[in-house]
N, C-alpha and C. Protein backbone atom coordinates (compact mmCIF):
# COMPACT_ATOMS: atom_id res chain seq x y z
N UNK A 1 108.07 91.33 94.74
CA UNK A 1 108.55 92.60 95.26
C UNK A 1 109.56 92.32 96.37
N UNK A 2 110.67 93.03 96.33
CA UNK A 2 111.72 92.86 97.33
C UNK A 2 111.31 93.48 98.67
N UNK A 3 111.91 92.98 99.73
CA UNK A 3 111.67 93.56 101.05
C UNK A 3 112.46 94.85 101.16
N UNK A 4 111.80 95.89 101.69
CA UNK A 4 112.45 97.20 101.83
C UNK A 4 112.57 97.60 103.28
N UNK A 5 113.57 98.43 103.57
CA UNK A 5 113.76 98.95 104.93
C UNK A 5 112.69 100.00 105.22
N UNK A 6 112.51 100.31 106.48
CA UNK A 6 111.53 101.31 106.89
C UNK A 6 112.14 102.70 106.68
N UNK A 7 111.42 103.54 105.94
CA UNK A 7 111.85 104.90 105.65
C UNK A 7 110.71 105.83 106.02
N UNK A 8 110.99 106.84 106.84
CA UNK A 8 109.97 107.81 107.23
C UNK A 8 109.52 108.60 106.00
N UNK A 9 108.27 109.07 105.97
CA UNK A 9 107.77 109.81 104.81
C UNK A 9 108.60 111.05 104.46
N UNK A 10 109.24 111.66 105.44
CA UNK A 10 110.02 112.89 105.21
C UNK A 10 111.53 112.63 105.12
N UNK A 11 111.92 111.37 105.02
CA UNK A 11 113.35 111.01 104.98
C UNK A 11 113.82 110.79 103.55
N UNK A 12 114.94 111.40 103.21
CA UNK A 12 115.59 111.15 101.93
C UNK A 12 116.19 109.75 102.00
N UNK A 13 115.75 108.81 101.14
CA UNK A 13 116.24 107.43 101.24
C UNK A 13 117.71 107.27 100.86
N UNK A 14 118.28 108.24 100.19
CA UNK A 14 119.67 108.14 99.76
C UNK A 14 120.63 108.59 100.87
N UNK A 15 120.39 109.79 101.43
CA UNK A 15 121.32 110.34 102.41
C UNK A 15 120.78 110.36 103.84
N UNK A 16 119.48 110.15 104.01
CA UNK A 16 118.89 110.11 105.34
C UNK A 16 118.46 111.46 105.90
N UNK A 17 118.67 112.54 105.15
CA UNK A 17 118.27 113.87 105.64
C UNK A 17 116.76 113.97 105.79
N UNK A 18 116.34 114.83 106.71
CA UNK A 18 114.92 115.14 106.86
C UNK A 18 114.57 116.19 105.82
N UNK A 19 113.49 115.93 105.07
CA UNK A 19 113.11 116.77 103.94
C UNK A 19 111.70 117.33 104.18
N UNK A 20 111.49 118.59 103.82
CA UNK A 20 110.16 119.17 103.84
C UNK A 20 109.43 118.63 102.60
N UNK A 21 108.39 117.84 102.83
CA UNK A 21 107.72 117.15 101.74
C UNK A 21 107.13 118.12 100.72
N UNK A 22 106.45 119.17 101.18
CA UNK A 22 105.84 120.13 100.27
C UNK A 22 106.89 120.83 99.41
N UNK A 23 108.01 121.21 100.02
CA UNK A 23 109.07 121.86 99.27
C UNK A 23 109.69 120.93 98.24
N UNK A 24 109.90 119.68 98.62
CA UNK A 24 110.47 118.71 97.69
C UNK A 24 109.55 118.52 96.49
N UNK A 25 108.27 118.40 96.74
CA UNK A 25 107.30 118.26 95.63
C UNK A 25 107.34 119.48 94.72
N UNK A 26 107.37 120.68 95.33
CA UNK A 26 107.37 121.92 94.55
C UNK A 26 108.61 122.04 93.68
N UNK A 27 109.72 121.49 94.13
CA UNK A 27 110.98 121.55 93.39
C UNK A 27 111.16 120.38 92.43
N UNK A 28 110.18 119.48 92.37
CA UNK A 28 110.30 118.31 91.50
C UNK A 28 111.23 117.25 92.06
N UNK A 29 111.39 117.24 93.38
CA UNK A 29 112.30 116.29 94.03
C UNK A 29 111.53 115.20 94.77
N UNK A 30 110.44 114.77 94.18
CA UNK A 30 109.66 113.65 94.72
C UNK A 30 109.48 112.64 93.61
N UNK A 31 109.56 111.37 93.97
CA UNK A 31 109.44 110.30 92.98
C UNK A 31 108.64 109.17 93.60
N UNK A 32 107.70 108.62 92.84
CA UNK A 32 106.93 107.48 93.30
C UNK A 32 107.57 106.22 92.74
N UNK A 33 107.82 105.28 93.64
CA UNK A 33 108.41 103.99 93.26
C UNK A 33 107.62 102.89 93.94
N UNK A 34 107.13 101.96 93.16
CA UNK A 34 106.32 100.85 93.66
C UNK A 34 105.18 101.34 94.56
N UNK A 35 104.53 102.43 94.14
CA UNK A 35 103.36 102.93 94.84
C UNK A 35 103.64 103.79 96.05
N UNK A 36 104.90 104.07 96.35
CA UNK A 36 105.24 104.89 97.51
C UNK A 36 106.03 106.11 97.05
N UNK A 37 105.64 107.27 97.57
CA UNK A 37 106.35 108.49 97.25
C UNK A 37 107.59 108.64 98.14
N UNK A 38 108.69 108.99 97.52
CA UNK A 38 109.93 109.29 98.23
C UNK A 38 110.31 110.72 97.90
N UNK A 39 110.84 111.44 98.88
CA UNK A 39 111.27 112.83 98.68
C UNK A 39 112.77 112.93 98.90
N UNK A 40 113.37 113.93 98.25
CA UNK A 40 114.82 114.04 98.24
C UNK A 40 115.29 115.45 98.59
N UNK A 41 116.47 115.53 99.20
CA UNK A 41 117.02 116.81 99.66
C UNK A 41 117.51 117.65 98.49
N UNK A 42 117.93 117.00 97.42
CA UNK A 42 118.48 117.72 96.27
C UNK A 42 118.52 116.84 95.03
N UNK A 43 118.94 117.46 93.95
CA UNK A 43 118.96 116.79 92.65
C UNK A 43 119.89 115.57 92.63
N UNK A 44 121.02 115.65 93.34
CA UNK A 44 121.96 114.53 93.35
C UNK A 44 121.34 113.26 93.90
N UNK A 45 120.70 113.37 95.05
CA UNK A 45 120.05 112.21 95.65
C UNK A 45 118.89 111.72 94.78
N UNK A 46 118.14 112.66 94.22
CA UNK A 46 117.02 112.32 93.33
C UNK A 46 117.52 111.49 92.15
N UNK A 47 118.61 111.93 91.53
CA UNK A 47 119.15 111.23 90.37
C UNK A 47 119.76 109.87 90.74
N UNK A 48 120.47 109.82 91.87
CA UNK A 48 121.05 108.54 92.31
C UNK A 48 119.96 107.51 92.55
N UNK A 49 118.89 107.92 93.22
CA UNK A 49 117.78 107.01 93.49
C UNK A 49 117.17 106.52 92.18
N UNK A 50 117.00 107.43 91.23
CA UNK A 50 116.42 107.06 89.94
C UNK A 50 117.24 106.03 89.19
N UNK A 51 118.56 106.06 89.36
CA UNK A 51 119.44 105.11 88.69
C UNK A 51 119.30 103.69 89.23
N UNK A 52 119.08 103.55 90.55
CA UNK A 52 119.00 102.21 91.16
C UNK A 52 118.27 102.26 92.49
N UNK A 53 116.94 102.42 92.48
CA UNK A 53 116.18 102.56 93.72
C UNK A 53 116.38 101.41 94.71
N UNK A 54 116.48 100.21 94.23
CA UNK A 54 116.57 99.05 95.12
C UNK A 54 117.80 99.10 96.03
N UNK A 55 118.88 99.71 95.56
CA UNK A 55 120.08 99.85 96.39
C UNK A 55 119.75 100.63 97.66
N UNK A 56 119.00 101.71 97.53
CA UNK A 56 118.71 102.60 98.63
C UNK A 56 117.54 102.15 99.51
N UNK A 57 116.76 101.23 98.98
CA UNK A 57 115.61 100.70 99.73
C UNK A 57 115.92 99.38 100.42
N UNK A 58 117.06 98.79 100.09
CA UNK A 58 117.42 97.47 100.64
C UNK A 58 117.50 97.49 102.16
N UNK A 59 117.08 96.40 102.77
CA UNK A 59 117.08 96.27 104.22
C UNK A 59 118.45 96.57 104.83
N UNK A 60 119.53 96.19 104.19
CA UNK A 60 120.86 96.38 104.75
C UNK A 60 121.49 97.74 104.47
N UNK A 61 120.83 98.60 103.71
CA UNK A 61 121.42 99.90 103.36
C UNK A 61 121.28 100.88 104.52
N UNK A 62 122.37 101.60 104.82
CA UNK A 62 122.36 102.64 105.85
C UNK A 62 122.74 103.96 105.17
N UNK A 63 121.80 104.91 105.13
CA UNK A 63 122.13 106.19 104.50
C UNK A 63 123.16 106.98 105.32
N UNK A 64 124.04 107.67 104.62
CA UNK A 64 125.04 108.51 105.29
C UNK A 64 125.10 109.84 104.59
N UNK A 65 125.22 110.90 105.36
CA UNK A 65 125.32 112.24 104.76
C UNK A 65 126.76 112.57 104.54
């Protein structure tokens, strides 16, 4: 398993926005990867993460809005 950066439970790993976890789950914008749930601000970030999660979890990645 690769080393991942620290991401808060309510942080979108793609853009860094703060996300309401319950709302993201209700909208289908939550995804579990390697045993950890990640939540997303919108469909775009959700889909980008699904295409290549390791890019967004990498230690050197800095999310930008």
